[in-house]
ModelCIF file with pLDDT and N, C-alpha, C, O atoms, coordinates in Angstrom:
data_MODEL
#
_entry.id   MODEL 
#
_entity.id                         1 
_entity.type                       polymer 
_entity.pdbx_number_of_molecules   1 
#
_entity_poly.entity_id                      1 
_entity_poly.type                           'polypeptide(L)' 
_entity_poly.nstd_linkage                   no 
_entity_poly.nstd_monomer                   no 
_entity_poly.pdbx_seq_one_letter_code       NNLAGFDGSDDSLPERFLEEGGTPGQGASEGEYCELDEMKAEYYEHRG 
_entity_poly.pdbx_seq_one_letter_code_can   NNLAGFDGSDDSLPERFLEEGGTPGQGASEGEYCELDEMKAEYYEHRG 
_entity_poly.pdbx_strand_id                 A 
#
loop_
_entity_poly_seq.entity_id 
_entity_poly_seq.num 
_entity_poly_seq.mon_id 
_entity_poly_seq.hetero 
1 1  ASN n 
1 2  ASN n 
1 3  LEU n 
1 4  ALA n 
1 5  GLY n 
1 6  PHE n 
1 7  ASP n 
1 8  GLY n 
1 9  SER n 
1 10 ASP n 
1 11 ASP n 
1 12 SER n 
1 13 LEU n 
1 14 PRO n 
1 15 GLU n 
1 16 ARG n 
1 17 PHE n 
1 18 LEU n 
1 19 GLU n 
1 20 GLU n 
1 21 GLY n 
1 22 GLY n 
1 23 THR n 
1 24 PRO n 
1 25 GLY n 
1 26 GLN n 
1 27 GLY n 
1 28 ALA n 
1 29 SER n 
1 30 GLU n 
1 31 GLY n 
1 32 GLU n 
1 33 TYR n 
1 34 CYS n 
1 35 GLU n 
1 36 LEU n 
1 37 ASP n 
1 38 GLU n 
1 39 MET n 
1 40 LYS n 
1 41 ALA n 
1 42 GLU n 
1 43 TYR n 
1 44 TYR n 
1 45 GLU n 
1 46 HIS n 
1 47 ARG n 
1 48 GLY n 
#
_struct_asym.id          A 
_struct_asym.entity_id   1 
#
loop_
_ma_qa_metric.id 
_ma_qa_metric.mode 
_ma_qa_metric.name 
_ma_qa_metric.software_group_id 
_ma_qa_metric.type 
1 global pLDDT . pLDDT 
2 local  pLDDT . pLDDT 
#
_ma_qa_metric_global.metric_id      1 
_ma_qa_metric_global.metric_value   97.48 
_ma_qa_metric_global.model_id       1 
_ma_qa_metric_global.ordinal_id     1 
#
loop_
_ma_qa_metric_local.label_asym_id 
_ma_qa_metric_local.label_comp_id 
_ma_qa_metric_local.label_seq_id 
_ma_qa_metric_local.metric_id 
_ma_qa_metric_local.metric_value 
_ma_qa_metric_local.model_id 
_ma_qa_metric_local.ordinal_id 
A ASN 1  2 98.00 1 1  
A ASN 2  2 98.00 1 2  
A LEU 3  2 97.00 1 3  
A ALA 4  2 97.00 1 4  
A GLY 5  2 97.00 1 5  
A PHE 6  2 98.00 1 6  
A ASP 7  2 98.00 1 7  
A GLY 8  2 98.00 1 8  
A SER 9  2 98.00 1 9  
A ASP 10 2 98.00 1 10 
A ASP 11 2 98.00 1 11 
A SER 12 2 98.00 1 12 
A LEU 13 2 98.00 1 13 
A PRO 14 2 97.00 1 14 
A GLU 15 2 96.00 1 15 
A ARG 16 2 97.00 1 16 
A PHE 17 2 98.00 1 17 
A LEU 18 2 98.00 1 18 
A GLU 19 2 96.00 1 19 
A GLU 20 2 94.00 1 20 
A GLY 21 2 92.00 1 21 
A GLY 22 2 96.00 1 22 
A THR 23 2 97.00 1 23 
A PRO 24 2 98.00 1 24 
A GLY 25 2 98.00 1 25 
A GLN 26 2 98.00 1 26 
A GLY 27 2 97.00 1 27 
A ALA 28 2 96.00 1 28 
A SER 29 2 98.00 1 29 
A GLU 30 2 98.00 1 30 
A GLY 31 2 98.00 1 31 
A GLU 32 2 98.00 1 32 
A TYR 33 2 98.00 1 33 
A CYS 34 2 98.00 1 34 
A GLU 35 2 98.00 1 35 
A LEU 36 2 98.00 1 36 
A ASP 37 2 98.00 1 37 
A GLU 38 2 98.00 1 38 
A MET 39 2 98.00 1 39 
A LYS 40 2 98.00 1 40 
A ALA 41 2 98.00 1 41 
A GLU 42 2 98.00 1 42 
A TYR 43 2 98.00 1 43 
A TYR 44 2 98.00 1 44 
A GLU 45 2 98.00 1 45 
A HIS 46 2 98.00 1 46 
A ARG 47 2 98.00 1 47 
A GLY 48 2 98.00 1 48 
#
loop_
_atom_site.group_PDB 
_atom_site.id 
_atom_site.type_symbol 
_atom_site.label_atom_id 
_atom_site.label_alt_id 
_atom_site.label_comp_id 
_atom_site.label_asym_id 
_atom_site.label_entity_id 
_atom_site.label_seq_id 
_atom_site.pdbx_PDB_ins_code 
_atom_site.Cartn_x 
_atom_site.Cartn_y 
_atom_site.Cartn_z 
_atom_site.occupancy 
_atom_site.B_iso_or_equiv 
_atom_site.pdbx_formal_charge 
_atom_site.auth_seq_id 
_atom_site.auth_comp_id 
_atom_site.auth_asym_id 
_atom_site.auth_atom_id 
_atom_site.pdbx_PDB_model_num 
ATOM 1   N N  . ASN A 1 1  ? 7.234   25.023 -18.593 1.00 98.00 ? 1  ASN A N  1 
ATOM 2   C CA . ASN A 1 1  ? 6.020   24.546 -17.951 1.00 98.00 ? 1  ASN A CA 1 
ATOM 3   C C  . ASN A 1 1  ? 6.150   23.302 -16.739 1.00 98.00 ? 1  ASN A C  1 
ATOM 4   O O  . ASN A 1 1  ? 5.315   23.327 -15.835 1.00 98.00 ? 1  ASN A O  1 
ATOM 5   N N  . ASN A 1 2  ? 6.880   22.555 -16.737 1.00 98.00 ? 2  ASN A N  1 
ATOM 6   C CA . ASN A 1 2  ? 7.074   21.374 -15.941 1.00 98.00 ? 2  ASN A CA 1 
ATOM 7   C C  . ASN A 1 2  ? 7.812   21.923 -14.746 1.00 98.00 ? 2  ASN A C  1 
ATOM 8   O O  . ASN A 1 2  ? 7.628   21.615 -13.568 1.00 98.00 ? 2  ASN A O  1 
ATOM 9   N N  . LEU A 1 3  ? 8.695   22.804 -15.248 1.00 97.00 ? 3  LEU A N  1 
ATOM 10  C CA . LEU A 1 3  ? 9.367   23.688 -13.933 1.00 97.00 ? 3  LEU A CA 1 
ATOM 11  C C  . LEU A 1 3  ? 8.652   24.548 -13.163 1.00 97.00 ? 3  LEU A C  1 
ATOM 12  O O  . LEU A 1 3  ? 8.833   24.609 -11.947 1.00 97.00 ? 3  LEU A O  1 
ATOM 13  N N  . ALA A 1 4  ? 7.636   25.410 -13.901 1.00 97.00 ? 4  ALA A N  1 
ATOM 14  C CA . ALA A 1 4  ? 6.527   25.837 -13.285 1.00 97.00 ? 4  ALA A CA 1 
ATOM 15  C C  . ALA A 1 4  ? 5.522   25.090 -12.758 1.00 97.00 ? 4  ALA A C  1 
ATOM 16  O O  . ALA A 1 4  ? 4.504   25.754 -12.560 1.00 97.00 ? 4  ALA A O  1 
ATOM 17  N N  . GLY A 1 5  ? 5.424   23.590 -12.371 1.00 97.00 ? 5  GLY A N  1 
ATOM 18  C CA . GLY A 1 5  ? 4.605   23.053 -12.026 1.00 97.00 ? 5  GLY A CA 1 
ATOM 19  C C  . GLY A 1 5  ? 3.290   22.382 -12.443 1.00 97.00 ? 5  GLY A C  1 
ATOM 20  O O  . GLY A 1 5  ? 2.261   22.257 -11.779 1.00 97.00 ? 5  GLY A O  1 
ATOM 21  N N  . PHE A 1 6  ? 3.566   21.964 -13.735 1.00 98.00 ? 6  PHE A N  1 
ATOM 22  C CA . PHE A 1 6  ? 2.716   21.032 -14.854 1.00 98.00 ? 6  PHE A CA 1 
ATOM 23  C C  . PHE A 1 6  ? 3.338   20.022 -15.331 1.00 98.00 ? 6  PHE A C  1 
ATOM 24  O O  . PHE A 1 6  ? 4.487   19.852 -15.740 1.00 98.00 ? 6  PHE A O  1 
ATOM 25  N N  . ASP A 1 7  ? 2.267   19.252 -15.208 1.00 98.00 ? 7  ASP A N  1 
ATOM 26  C CA . ASP A 1 7  ? 2.563   17.632 -15.536 1.00 98.00 ? 7  ASP A CA 1 
ATOM 27  C C  . ASP A 1 7  ? 1.115   17.050 -16.470 1.00 98.00 ? 7  ASP A C  1 
ATOM 28  O O  . ASP A 1 7  ? 0.196   17.796 -16.810 1.00 98.00 ? 7  ASP A O  1 
ATOM 29  N N  . GLY A 1 8  ? 1.178   15.684 -16.743 1.00 98.00 ? 8  GLY A N  1 
ATOM 30  C CA . GLY A 1 8  ? 0.590   15.508 -17.123 1.00 98.00 ? 8  GLY A CA 1 
ATOM 31  C C  . GLY A 1 8  ? -0.904  15.348 -16.767 1.00 98.00 ? 8  GLY A C  1 
ATOM 32  O O  . GLY A 1 8  ? -1.699  15.043 -17.656 1.00 98.00 ? 8  GLY A O  1 
ATOM 33  N N  . SER A 1 9  ? -1.454  15.614 -15.046 1.00 98.00 ? 9  SER A N  1 
ATOM 34  C CA . SER A 1 9  ? -2.482  16.147 -14.823 1.00 98.00 ? 9  SER A CA 1 
ATOM 35  C C  . SER A 1 9  ? -3.445  17.339 -15.401 1.00 98.00 ? 9  SER A C  1 
ATOM 36  O O  . SER A 1 9  ? -4.653  17.580 -15.393 1.00 98.00 ? 9  SER A O  1 
ATOM 37  N N  . ASP A 1 10 ? -1.822  18.175 -16.089 1.00 98.00 ? 10 ASP A N  1 
ATOM 38  C CA . ASP A 1 10 ? -3.181  19.129 -16.640 1.00 98.00 ? 10 ASP A CA 1 
ATOM 39  C C  . ASP A 1 10 ? -2.951  19.133 -17.765 1.00 98.00 ? 10 ASP A C  1 
ATOM 40  O O  . ASP A 1 10 ? -2.961  20.219 -18.345 1.00 98.00 ? 10 ASP A O  1 
ATOM 41  N N  . ASP A 1 11 ? -2.624  17.777 -18.585 1.00 98.00 ? 11 ASP A N  1 
ATOM 42  C CA . ASP A 1 11 ? -3.211  17.905 -19.701 1.00 98.00 ? 11 ASP A CA 1 
ATOM 43  C C  . ASP A 1 11 ? -4.394  17.275 -19.842 1.00 98.00 ? 11 ASP A C  1 
ATOM 44  O O  . ASP A 1 11 ? -4.456  16.078 -20.122 1.00 98.00 ? 11 ASP A O  1 
ATOM 45  N N  . SER A 1 12 ? -5.580  18.131 -19.634 1.00 98.00 ? 12 SER A N  1 
ATOM 46  C CA . SER A 1 12 ? -7.110  17.424 -19.794 1.00 98.00 ? 12 SER A CA 1 
ATOM 47  C C  . SER A 1 12 ? -7.569  18.325 -20.775 1.00 98.00 ? 12 SER A C  1 
ATOM 48  O O  . SER A 1 12 ? -7.009  19.186 -21.453 1.00 98.00 ? 12 SER A O  1 
ATOM 49  N N  . LEU A 1 13 ? -8.928  17.841 -20.668 1.00 98.00 ? 13 LEU A N  1 
ATOM 50  C CA . LEU A 1 13 ? -9.916  18.134 -21.088 1.00 98.00 ? 13 LEU A CA 1 
ATOM 51  C C  . LEU A 1 13 ? -11.205 18.329 -20.305 1.00 98.00 ? 13 LEU A C  1 
ATOM 52  O O  . LEU A 1 13 ? -11.447 17.599 -19.344 1.00 98.00 ? 13 LEU A O  1 
ATOM 53  N N  . PRO A 1 14 ? -12.223 19.503 -20.768 1.00 97.00 ? 14 PRO A N  1 
ATOM 54  C CA . PRO A 1 14 ? -13.454 20.068 -20.112 1.00 97.00 ? 14 PRO A CA 1 
ATOM 55  C C  . PRO A 1 14 ? -13.978 18.218 -19.723 1.00 97.00 ? 14 PRO A C  1 
ATOM 56  O O  . PRO A 1 14 ? -13.704 17.253 -20.436 1.00 97.00 ? 14 PRO A O  1 
ATOM 57  N N  . GLU A 1 15 ? -14.528 18.194 -18.807 1.00 96.00 ? 15 GLU A N  1 
ATOM 58  C CA . GLU A 1 15 ? -15.734 17.140 -18.569 1.00 96.00 ? 15 GLU A CA 1 
ATOM 59  C C  . GLU A 1 15 ? -16.500 16.931 -19.464 1.00 96.00 ? 15 GLU A C  1 
ATOM 60  O O  . GLU A 1 15 ? -16.795 15.752 -19.657 1.00 96.00 ? 15 GLU A O  1 
ATOM 61  N N  . ARG A 1 16 ? -17.052 17.882 -20.262 1.00 97.00 ? 16 ARG A N  1 
ATOM 62  C CA . ARG A 1 16 ? -18.261 17.807 -21.039 1.00 97.00 ? 16 ARG A CA 1 
ATOM 63  C C  . ARG A 1 16 ? -18.225 17.051 -22.144 1.00 97.00 ? 16 ARG A C  1 
ATOM 64  O O  . ARG A 1 16 ? -19.225 16.438 -22.518 1.00 97.00 ? 16 ARG A O  1 
ATOM 65  N N  . PHE A 1 17 ? -16.775 16.999 -22.955 1.00 98.00 ? 17 PHE A N  1 
ATOM 66  C CA . PHE A 1 17 ? -16.538 16.013 -23.759 1.00 98.00 ? 17 PHE A CA 1 
ATOM 67  C C  . PHE A 1 17 ? -15.873 14.962 -23.569 1.00 98.00 ? 17 PHE A C  1 
ATOM 68  O O  . PHE A 1 17 ? -15.045 14.657 -24.427 1.00 98.00 ? 17 PHE A O  1 
ATOM 69  N N  . LEU A 1 18 ? -16.064 14.042 -22.295 1.00 98.00 ? 18 LEU A N  1 
ATOM 70  C CA . LEU A 1 18 ? -15.813 12.897 -22.010 1.00 98.00 ? 18 LEU A CA 1 
ATOM 71  C C  . LEU A 1 18 ? -16.762 11.919 -21.567 1.00 98.00 ? 18 LEU A C  1 
ATOM 72  O O  . LEU A 1 18 ? -17.930 12.194 -21.292 1.00 98.00 ? 18 LEU A O  1 
ATOM 73  N N  . GLU A 1 19 ? -16.287 10.848 -21.503 1.00 96.00 ? 19 GLU A N  1 
ATOM 74  C CA . GLU A 1 19 ? -17.436 10.008 -21.286 1.00 96.00 ? 19 GLU A CA 1 
ATOM 75  C C  . GLU A 1 19 ? -17.810 9.895  -19.834 1.00 96.00 ? 19 GLU A C  1 
ATOM 76  O O  . GLU A 1 19 ? -19.014 9.757  -19.617 1.00 96.00 ? 19 GLU A O  1 
ATOM 77  N N  . GLU A 1 20 ? -16.923 9.932  -18.702 1.00 94.00 ? 20 GLU A N  1 
ATOM 78  C CA . GLU A 1 20 ? -16.854 9.905  -17.413 1.00 94.00 ? 20 GLU A CA 1 
ATOM 79  C C  . GLU A 1 20 ? -17.635 11.873 -16.974 1.00 94.00 ? 20 GLU A C  1 
ATOM 80  O O  . GLU A 1 20 ? -16.947 12.894 -16.986 1.00 94.00 ? 20 GLU A O  1 
ATOM 81  N N  . GLY A 1 21 ? -18.980 11.817 -16.686 1.00 92.00 ? 21 GLY A N  1 
ATOM 82  C CA . GLY A 1 21 ? -19.620 12.943 -16.420 1.00 92.00 ? 21 GLY A CA 1 
ATOM 83  C C  . GLY A 1 21 ? -20.171 13.896 -17.503 1.00 92.00 ? 21 GLY A C  1 
ATOM 84  O O  . GLY A 1 21 ? -20.789 14.949 -17.346 1.00 92.00 ? 21 GLY A O  1 
ATOM 85  N N  . GLY A 1 22 ? -19.677 13.076 -19.000 1.00 96.00 ? 22 GLY A N  1 
ATOM 86  C CA . GLY A 1 22 ? -19.834 14.066 -19.973 1.00 96.00 ? 22 GLY A CA 1 
ATOM 87  C C  . GLY A 1 22 ? -21.063 14.195 -20.494 1.00 96.00 ? 22 GLY A C  1 
ATOM 88  O O  . GLY A 1 22 ? -22.069 13.972 -19.822 1.00 96.00 ? 22 GLY A O  1 
ATOM 89  N N  . THR A 1 23 ? -21.100 14.594 -21.829 1.00 97.00 ? 23 THR A N  1 
ATOM 90  C CA . THR A 1 23 ? -22.265 14.821 -22.763 1.00 97.00 ? 23 THR A CA 1 
ATOM 91  C C  . THR A 1 23 ? -22.057 14.291 -24.126 1.00 97.00 ? 23 THR A C  1 
ATOM 92  O O  . THR A 1 23 ? -21.470 15.057 -24.891 1.00 97.00 ? 23 THR A O  1 
ATOM 93  N N  . PRO A 1 24 ? -22.421 13.122 -24.597 1.00 98.00 ? 24 PRO A N  1 
ATOM 94  C CA . PRO A 1 24 ? -22.363 13.081 -25.840 1.00 98.00 ? 24 PRO A CA 1 
ATOM 95  C C  . PRO A 1 24 ? -22.447 13.798 -27.226 1.00 98.00 ? 24 PRO A C  1 
ATOM 96  O O  . PRO A 1 24 ? -23.274 14.705 -27.314 1.00 98.00 ? 24 PRO A O  1 
ATOM 97  N N  . GLY A 1 25 ? -22.014 13.626 -27.848 1.00 98.00 ? 25 GLY A N  1 
ATOM 98  C CA . GLY A 1 25 ? -22.004 14.270 -29.041 1.00 98.00 ? 25 GLY A CA 1 
ATOM 99  C C  . GLY A 1 25 ? -23.408 13.990 -29.897 1.00 98.00 ? 25 GLY A C  1 
ATOM 100 O O  . GLY A 1 25 ? -23.853 12.850 -29.764 1.00 98.00 ? 25 GLY A O  1 
ATOM 101 N N  . GLN A 1 26 ? -24.156 14.894 -30.760 1.00 98.00 ? 26 GLN A N  1 
ATOM 102 C CA . GLN A 1 26 ? -25.289 14.453 -31.728 1.00 98.00 ? 26 GLN A CA 1 
ATOM 103 C C  . GLN A 1 26 ? -25.445 14.550 -32.784 1.00 98.00 ? 26 GLN A C  1 
ATOM 104 O O  . GLN A 1 26 ? -24.553 15.225 -33.299 1.00 98.00 ? 26 GLN A O  1 
ATOM 105 N N  . GLY A 1 27 ? -26.368 14.113 -33.639 1.00 97.00 ? 27 GLY A N  1 
ATOM 106 C CA . GLY A 1 27 ? -26.474 14.330 -35.324 1.00 97.00 ? 27 GLY A CA 1 
ATOM 107 C C  . GLY A 1 27 ? -25.399 13.361 -35.571 1.00 97.00 ? 27 GLY A C  1 
ATOM 108 O O  . GLY A 1 27 ? -25.214 12.494 -34.717 1.00 97.00 ? 27 GLY A O  1 
ATOM 109 N N  . ALA A 1 28 ? -24.563 13.394 -36.771 1.00 96.00 ? 28 ALA A N  1 
ATOM 110 C CA . ALA A 1 28 ? -23.432 12.738 -37.117 1.00 96.00 ? 28 ALA A CA 1 
ATOM 111 C C  . ALA A 1 28 ? -22.045 12.855 -35.791 1.00 96.00 ? 28 ALA A C  1 
ATOM 112 O O  . ALA A 1 28 ? -20.824 12.759 -35.908 1.00 96.00 ? 28 ALA A O  1 
ATOM 113 N N  . SER A 1 29 ? -22.704 13.037 -34.891 1.00 98.00 ? 29 SER A N  1 
ATOM 114 C CA . SER A 1 29 ? -21.137 12.906 -33.929 1.00 98.00 ? 29 SER A CA 1 
ATOM 115 C C  . SER A 1 29 ? -21.970 12.035 -32.729 1.00 98.00 ? 29 SER A C  1 
ATOM 116 O O  . SER A 1 29 ? -21.490 11.912 -31.602 1.00 98.00 ? 29 SER A O  1 
ATOM 117 N N  . GLU A 1 30 ? -23.084 11.535 -33.057 1.00 98.00 ? 30 GLU A N  1 
ATOM 118 C CA . GLU A 1 30 ? -24.289 11.067 -32.078 1.00 98.00 ? 30 GLU A CA 1 
ATOM 119 C C  . GLU A 1 30 ? -23.437 9.871  -31.009 1.00 98.00 ? 30 GLU A C  1 
ATOM 120 O O  . GLU A 1 30 ? -22.627 9.035  -31.410 1.00 98.00 ? 30 GLU A O  1 
ATOM 121 N N  . GLY A 1 31 ? -23.648 9.968  -30.328 1.00 98.00 ? 31 GLY A N  1 
ATOM 122 C CA . GLY A 1 31 ? -22.932 8.778  -29.025 1.00 98.00 ? 31 GLY A CA 1 
ATOM 123 C C  . GLY A 1 31 ? -21.350 9.199  -28.748 1.00 98.00 ? 31 GLY A C  1 
ATOM 124 O O  . GLY A 1 31 ? -20.799 8.567  -27.847 1.00 98.00 ? 31 GLY A O  1 
ATOM 125 N N  . GLU A 1 32 ? -20.518 10.275 -29.484 1.00 98.00 ? 32 GLU A N  1 
ATOM 126 C CA . GLU A 1 32 ? -19.070 10.092 -29.326 1.00 98.00 ? 32 GLU A CA 1 
ATOM 127 C C  . GLU A 1 32 ? -18.672 11.188 -28.289 1.00 98.00 ? 32 GLU A C  1 
ATOM 128 O O  . GLU A 1 32 ? -19.242 12.263 -28.098 1.00 98.00 ? 32 GLU A O  1 
ATOM 129 N N  . TYR A 1 33 ? -17.536 10.671 -27.643 1.00 98.00 ? 33 TYR A N  1 
ATOM 130 C CA . TYR A 1 33 ? -16.823 11.178 -26.681 1.00 98.00 ? 33 TYR A CA 1 
ATOM 131 C C  . TYR A 1 33 ? -15.166 11.152 -27.431 1.00 98.00 ? 33 TYR A C  1 
ATOM 132 O O  . TYR A 1 33 ? -14.693 10.507 -28.367 1.00 98.00 ? 33 TYR A O  1 
ATOM 133 N N  . CYS A 1 34 ? -14.540 12.322 -26.379 1.00 98.00 ? 34 CYS A N  1 
ATOM 134 C CA . CYS A 1 34 ? -13.196 12.034 -26.831 1.00 98.00 ? 34 CYS A CA 1 
ATOM 135 C C  . CYS A 1 34 ? -12.516 11.171 -26.113 1.00 98.00 ? 34 CYS A C  1 
ATOM 136 O O  . CYS A 1 34 ? -12.683 11.102 -24.896 1.00 98.00 ? 34 CYS A O  1 
ATOM 137 N N  . GLU A 1 35 ? -11.662 10.402 -26.765 1.00 98.00 ? 35 GLU A N  1 
ATOM 138 C CA . GLU A 1 35 ? -10.917 9.222  -26.139 1.00 98.00 ? 35 GLU A CA 1 
ATOM 139 C C  . GLU A 1 35 ? -9.394  9.569  -25.659 1.00 98.00 ? 35 GLU A C  1 
ATOM 140 O O  . GLU A 1 35 ? -8.333  9.135  -26.107 1.00 98.00 ? 35 GLU A O  1 
ATOM 141 N N  . LEU A 1 36 ? -9.654  10.560 -24.522 1.00 98.00 ? 36 LEU A N  1 
ATOM 142 C CA . LEU A 1 36 ? -8.440  11.433 -24.605 1.00 98.00 ? 36 LEU A CA 1 
ATOM 143 C C  . LEU A 1 36 ? -7.533  10.879 -23.861 1.00 98.00 ? 36 LEU A C  1 
ATOM 144 O O  . LEU A 1 36 ? -6.437  11.416 -24.017 1.00 98.00 ? 36 LEU A O  1 
ATOM 145 N N  . ASP A 1 37 ? -7.543  9.509  -22.667 1.00 98.00 ? 37 ASP A N  1 
ATOM 146 C CA . ASP A 1 37 ? -6.299  8.678  -21.945 1.00 98.00 ? 37 ASP A CA 1 
ATOM 147 C C  . ASP A 1 37 ? -6.043  8.036  -23.138 1.00 98.00 ? 37 ASP A C  1 
ATOM 148 O O  . ASP A 1 37 ? -4.896  8.405  -23.387 1.00 98.00 ? 37 ASP A O  1 
ATOM 149 N N  . GLU A 1 38 ? -6.380  7.329  -24.003 1.00 98.00 ? 38 GLU A N  1 
ATOM 150 C CA . GLU A 1 38 ? -5.661  6.663  -25.362 1.00 98.00 ? 38 GLU A CA 1 
ATOM 151 C C  . GLU A 1 38 ? -4.784  7.279  -25.925 1.00 98.00 ? 38 GLU A C  1 
ATOM 152 O O  . GLU A 1 38 ? -3.698  6.768  -26.199 1.00 98.00 ? 38 GLU A O  1 
ATOM 153 N N  . MET A 1 39 ? -5.208  8.893  -26.288 1.00 98.00 ? 39 MET A N  1 
ATOM 154 C CA . MET A 1 39 ? -4.564  9.493  -27.089 1.00 98.00 ? 39 MET A CA 1 
ATOM 155 C C  . MET A 1 39 ? -3.462  9.724  -26.194 1.00 98.00 ? 39 MET A C  1 
ATOM 156 O O  . MET A 1 39 ? -2.398  9.195  -26.515 1.00 98.00 ? 39 MET A O  1 
ATOM 157 N N  . LYS A 1 40 ? -3.496  10.412 -25.126 1.00 98.00 ? 40 LYS A N  1 
ATOM 158 C CA . LYS A 1 40 ? -2.589  10.982 -24.371 1.00 98.00 ? 40 LYS A CA 1 
ATOM 159 C C  . LYS A 1 40 ? -1.461  9.626  -24.263 1.00 98.00 ? 40 LYS A C  1 
ATOM 160 O O  . LYS A 1 40 ? -0.373  10.106 -24.581 1.00 98.00 ? 40 LYS A O  1 
ATOM 161 N N  . ALA A 1 41 ? -1.325  8.493  -24.022 1.00 98.00 ? 41 ALA A N  1 
ATOM 162 C CA . ALA A 1 41 ? -0.631  7.139  -24.071 1.00 98.00 ? 41 ALA A CA 1 
ATOM 163 C C  . ALA A 1 41 ? 0.397   7.213  -25.142 1.00 98.00 ? 41 ALA A C  1 
ATOM 164 O O  . ALA A 1 41 ? 1.617   7.059  -25.085 1.00 98.00 ? 41 ALA A O  1 
ATOM 165 N N  . GLU A 1 42 ? -0.662  7.578  -26.465 1.00 98.00 ? 42 GLU A N  1 
ATOM 166 C CA . GLU A 1 42 ? -0.049  7.398  -27.709 1.00 98.00 ? 42 GLU A CA 1 
ATOM 167 C C  . GLU A 1 42 ? 1.255   8.642  -27.895 1.00 98.00 ? 42 GLU A C  1 
ATOM 168 O O  . GLU A 1 42 ? 2.432   8.651  -28.257 1.00 98.00 ? 42 GLU A O  1 
ATOM 169 N N  . TYR A 1 43 ? 0.295   9.573  -27.437 1.00 98.00 ? 43 TYR A N  1 
ATOM 170 C CA . TYR A 1 43 ? 1.033   11.021 -27.809 1.00 98.00 ? 43 TYR A CA 1 
ATOM 171 C C  . TYR A 1 43 ? 2.333   11.183 -26.731 1.00 98.00 ? 43 TYR A C  1 
ATOM 172 O O  . TYR A 1 43 ? 3.270   11.958 -26.921 1.00 98.00 ? 43 TYR A O  1 
ATOM 173 N N  . TYR A 1 44 ? 2.218   10.450 -25.772 1.00 98.00 ? 44 TYR A N  1 
ATOM 174 C CA . TYR A 1 44 ? 3.760   10.530 -24.541 1.00 98.00 ? 44 TYR A CA 1 
ATOM 175 C C  . TYR A 1 44 ? 4.715   9.792  -25.206 1.00 98.00 ? 44 TYR A C  1 
ATOM 176 O O  . TYR A 1 44 ? 5.837   10.261 -25.397 1.00 98.00 ? 44 TYR A O  1 
ATOM 177 N N  . GLU A 1 45 ? 4.291   8.302  -25.714 1.00 98.00 ? 45 GLU A N  1 
ATOM 178 C CA . GLU A 1 45 ? 5.314   7.535  -26.006 1.00 98.00 ? 45 GLU A CA 1 
ATOM 179 C C  . GLU A 1 45 ? 5.979   8.111  -27.149 1.00 98.00 ? 45 GLU A C  1 
ATOM 180 O O  . GLU A 1 45 ? 7.205   8.000  -27.156 1.00 98.00 ? 45 GLU A O  1 
ATOM 181 N N  . HIS A 1 46 ? 5.119   9.040  -28.663 1.00 98.00 ? 46 HIS A N  1 
ATOM 182 C CA . HIS A 1 46 ? 5.663   9.266  -29.484 1.00 98.00 ? 46 HIS A CA 1 
ATOM 183 C C  . HIS A 1 46 ? 6.842   10.396 -28.967 1.00 98.00 ? 46 HIS A C  1 
ATOM 184 O O  . HIS A 1 46 ? 7.995   10.576 -29.358 1.00 98.00 ? 46 HIS A O  1 
ATOM 185 N N  . ARG A 1 47 ? 6.027   11.076 -27.909 1.00 98.00 ? 47 ARG A N  1 
ATOM 186 C CA . ARG A 1 47 ? 7.186   12.777 -27.331 1.00 98.00 ? 47 ARG A CA 1 
ATOM 187 C C  . ARG A 1 47 ? 8.636   12.012 -26.673 1.00 98.00 ? 47 ARG A C  1 
ATOM 188 O O  . ARG A 1 47 ? 9.697   12.621 -26.532 1.00 98.00 ? 47 ARG A O  1 
ATOM 189 N N  . GLY A 1 48 ? 8.486   10.970 -26.414 1.00 98.00 ? 48 GLY A N  1 
ATOM 190 C CA . GLY A 1 48 ? 9.234   10.523 -25.205 1.00 98.00 ? 48 GLY A CA 1 
ATOM 191 C C  . GLY A 1 48 ? 9.218   11.167 -23.992 1.00 98.00 ? 48 GLY A C  1 
ATOM 192 O O  . GLY A 1 48 ? 9.870   10.721 -23.048 1.00 98.00 ? 48 GLY A O  1 
#
């Protein structure tokens, strides 16, 4: 995929699930968003 032109900018999520421009969860998930940037940093570090 890297050779085909993909990099970290493509490791994204629909904005609906993110705090910036998204919609918070409801019910038991009330107010929740997905903390993608924090998890990507941890994931990339683990992957090397």
